[in-house]
Protein backbone atom coordinates (compact mmCIF):
# COMPACT_ATOMS: atom_id res chain seq x y z
CA MET A 1 175.46 103.70 146.10
CA GLU A 2 178.57 103.91 143.81
CA GLN A 3 177.95 104.60 140.11
CA ARG A 4 180.06 102.42 137.70
CA LYS A 5 181.31 104.09 134.57
CA ILE A 6 180.58 102.21 131.36
CA SER A 7 183.44 102.41 128.86
CA PRO A 8 182.44 103.35 125.26
CA ARG A 9 183.87 99.91 124.12
CA SER A 10 181.31 98.21 126.44
CA LYS A 11 178.48 100.46 125.00
CA ILE A 12 179.37 99.29 121.42
CA HIS A 13 179.67 95.58 122.53
CA PHE A 14 176.16 95.72 124.18
CA PHE A 15 174.66 97.30 121.07
CA GLU A 16 176.42 94.72 118.78
CA CYS A 17 174.83 91.94 121.04
CA ILE A 18 171.53 93.58 120.77
CA CYS A 19 171.79 93.78 116.82
CA LEU A 20 172.82 90.08 116.49
CA PHE A 21 169.85 89.11 118.80
CA LEU A 22 167.34 90.96 116.58
CA ILE A 23 168.84 89.52 113.53
CA ALA A 24 168.53 85.98 115.00
CA LEU A 25 164.78 86.66 115.56
CA THR A 26 164.21 87.70 111.82
CA PRO A 27 162.82 84.75 109.86
CA ALA A 28 164.67 83.27 107.00
CA SER A 29 163.35 84.43 103.54
CA SER A 30 161.42 81.88 101.30
CA ASN A 31 159.06 81.68 98.42
CA THR A 32 156.26 83.05 100.63
CA SER A 33 156.13 85.82 103.11
CA GLU A 34 153.61 87.04 105.68
CA SER A 35 152.96 90.22 107.50
CA ALA A 36 149.97 91.74 109.26
CA HIS A 37 148.47 92.64 105.85
CA GLU A 38 150.52 91.11 103.06
CA CYS A 39 151.15 87.83 101.66
CA ALA A 40 153.18 86.83 98.52
CA VAL A 41 153.46 83.84 96.47
CA GLU A 42 155.93 83.17 93.51
CA GLY A 43 156.82 80.50 91.27
CA GLN A 44 156.87 79.11 87.75
CA VAL A 45 154.23 77.30 85.76
CA ASP A 46 155.74 74.91 83.30
CA SER A 47 153.13 72.58 81.83
CA PRO A 48 152.23 70.96 78.48
CA GLU A 49 148.61 71.71 79.13
CA GLN A 50 146.62 74.66 77.88
CA TRP A 51 144.93 75.51 81.29
CA TYR A 52 146.71 75.31 84.78
CA GLY A 53 144.87 75.87 88.09
CA TYR A 54 145.68 77.22 90.60
CA ILE A 55 148.69 79.36 91.47
CA ALA A 56 146.67 80.83 94.35
CA ASN A 57 143.29 80.46 96.21
CA ILE A 58 142.80 83.33 98.61
CA SER A 59 140.02 85.20 100.41
CA LEU A 60 140.31 89.08 100.29
CA PRO A 61 138.25 91.52 102.30
CA LYS A 62 136.71 94.79 101.18
CA GLY A 63 139.57 96.96 100.05
CA GLY A 64 141.93 93.97 99.53
CA GLY A 65 143.71 93.13 96.41
CA PHE A 66 147.06 92.11 94.78
CA ARG A 67 150.12 93.36 92.98
CA PHE A 68 151.57 91.16 90.33
CA GLN A 69 154.35 90.42 88.11
CA PHE A 70 153.93 87.84 85.33
CA SER A 71 156.60 87.07 82.74
CA TYR A 72 156.86 84.62 79.80
CA PRO A 73 158.71 84.02 76.52
CA TYR A 74 156.45 86.12 74.32
CA ASN A 75 157.05 84.65 70.87
CA GLU A 76 156.79 80.87 72.11
CA TYR A 77 153.59 81.18 74.25
CA TYR A 78 151.77 84.19 73.10
CA ILE A 79 149.01 85.14 74.49
CA GLN A 80 148.66 83.71 77.99
CA ASN A 81 145.86 84.81 80.25
CA ILE A 82 145.42 84.95 83.96
CA LEU A 83 141.91 83.79 84.93
CA LEU A 84 140.53 85.08 88.19
CA TYR A 85 137.77 82.80 89.17
CA ASP A 86 135.25 83.55 92.02
CA ASP A 87 132.89 81.30 93.95
CA THR A 88 130.28 81.41 91.35
CA ASN A 89 132.65 80.47 88.59
CA MET A 90 134.14 77.78 90.55
CA GLY A 91 130.59 76.01 90.92
CA GLU A 92 130.71 75.70 87.00
CA LEU A 93 134.20 74.45 86.49
CA GLN A 94 134.75 70.68 86.08
CA GLN A 95 138.03 68.76 85.56
CA GLU A 96 137.03 67.11 82.33
CA GLN A 97 136.27 70.63 80.70
CA SER A 98 138.41 71.86 77.67
CA CYS A 99 140.51 74.95 78.03
CA TRP A 100 137.93 76.93 76.19
CA GLU A 101 135.12 75.62 78.41
CA LYS A 102 137.09 76.58 81.57
CA TYR A 103 137.72 80.01 79.95
CA GLY A 104 134.03 80.36 79.00
CA VAL A 105 132.91 79.89 82.74
CA ILE A 106 133.88 83.57 83.25
CA ARG A 107 130.63 85.55 82.21
CA GLU A 108 130.82 88.21 79.58
CA ASP A 109 130.08 90.95 82.18
CA GLN A 110 133.00 89.67 84.15
CA ILE A 111 135.74 89.62 81.53
CA ASP A 112 137.31 92.95 82.35
CA ASP A 113 137.57 92.17 85.96
CA HIS A 114 138.22 88.58 85.79
CA ILE A 115 140.71 87.94 82.88
CA LEU A 116 144.22 89.53 82.68
CA VAL A 117 145.35 89.25 79.02
CA LEU A 118 149.03 89.32 79.00
CA ARG A 119 149.99 90.87 75.76
CA PRO A 120 152.15 93.94 74.90
CA GLU A 121 149.10 96.02 73.92
CA ASN A 122 147.63 95.79 77.29
CA ASN A 123 148.80 98.84 78.95
CA LEU A 124 146.12 98.63 81.83
CA ASP A 125 148.09 95.61 83.13
CA GLY A 126 151.45 97.17 82.66
CA CYS A 127 152.80 94.75 80.03
CA THR A 128 156.01 95.44 78.29
CA THR A 129 158.56 93.38 76.15
CA THR A 130 162.11 93.02 76.81
CA TYR A 131 164.79 91.04 75.15
CA ASN A 132 166.56 88.60 77.31
CA THR A 133 170.14 88.37 76.10
CA ILE A 134 170.95 85.23 78.29
CA ASP A 135 168.11 83.07 76.53
CA ASN A 136 167.98 85.09 73.38
CA LYS A 137 164.17 85.31 73.97
CA GLU A 138 161.74 88.18 73.74
CA MET A 139 160.11 88.23 77.24
CA LEU A 140 156.79 89.76 78.15
CA THR A 141 156.48 91.10 81.51
CA CYS A 142 153.21 92.52 83.08
CA LYS A 143 153.16 94.42 86.32
CA ALA A 144 150.27 95.98 87.87
CA GLU A 145 147.71 95.86 90.79
CA ARG A 146 144.00 95.00 91.20
CA ARG A 147 141.77 96.15 94.17
CA TYR A 148 138.46 95.07 95.13
CA ASN A 149 135.63 97.05 96.62
CA ASP A 150 133.86 93.99 98.06
CA PRO A 151 135.21 90.74 99.75
CA ILE A 152 136.11 88.18 97.09
CA GLN A 153 137.34 84.62 97.07
CA LEU A 154 139.83 84.37 94.20
CA TYR A 155 141.17 81.27 92.31
CA ILE A 156 143.91 82.14 90.16
CA ALA A 157 144.54 80.06 87.01
CA VAL A 158 146.69 80.41 83.74
CA SER A 159 145.47 79.62 80.36
CA ASN A 160 146.36 79.84 76.67
CA CYS A 161 143.82 77.79 74.71
CA ARG A 162 145.53 78.28 71.32
CA SER A 163 148.71 77.07 72.49
CA VAL A 164 150.61 74.16 70.93
CA ASN A 165 153.56 74.53 73.50
CA GLY A 166 151.59 74.52 76.72
CA LEU A 167 152.16 76.98 79.33
CA PHE A 168 155.23 78.74 80.70
CA LEU A 169 154.83 81.59 83.25
CA LYS A 170 156.94 83.02 85.96
CA TYR A 171 154.87 84.89 88.59
CA ARG A 172 154.98 86.83 91.67
CA VAL A 173 151.73 87.92 93.44
CA GLU A 174 151.51 90.03 96.51
CA PHE A 175 148.20 90.08 98.20
CA PHE A 176 147.46 93.11 100.42
CA GLU A 177 144.91 93.27 103.33
CA TYR A 178 145.25 89.48 103.55
CA HIS A 179 143.83 88.13 106.82
CA GLY A 180 144.00 84.42 106.35
CA GLY A 181 146.11 81.67 108.13
CA PRO A 182 149.76 81.22 107.62
CA CYS A 183 150.91 82.55 104.20
CA THR A 184 152.25 79.39 102.73
CA LYS A 185 151.73 77.85 99.18
CA GLU A 186 149.59 75.19 100.74
CA ASN A 187 147.26 77.73 102.43
CA ILE A 188 146.96 79.95 99.58
């Protein structure tokens, strides 16, 4: 059998075709992403209300958790909270409750684990202030991570029960060890 020699130019063309094929198989980016163990949601809450639910609703297994980045105009919306409700809390929530009543559903022994207070003094949740020269606003950004030792169903809400301006929050939340269905805003 006769062996054919492949020119260097043919090899390059072959590898270019393979690369283009692999790029074509790569899904387009969107506001949600999914991999074997990670799911992310991002967006913005802009509401005249003092309580907003929910930016996410997700089941996490033992060892699961999330990384977050929350940002808001500090002087206009100080202090916003992230409320991490579990199934027990959800049984006590009702639509007609006031912001303070919805906040109060979280038991006192749960406060450290279920409420993220987004303020500059909160080093635990990685909060820092920066000056946004585009909008001439002081922005508060909080970046950190939470991990759970036991499986948990989380319902993530935003509140500021003292606000006269409502709520404004930009967010990105990356869940790890996620084993649910498709990672879409409708499913989270």
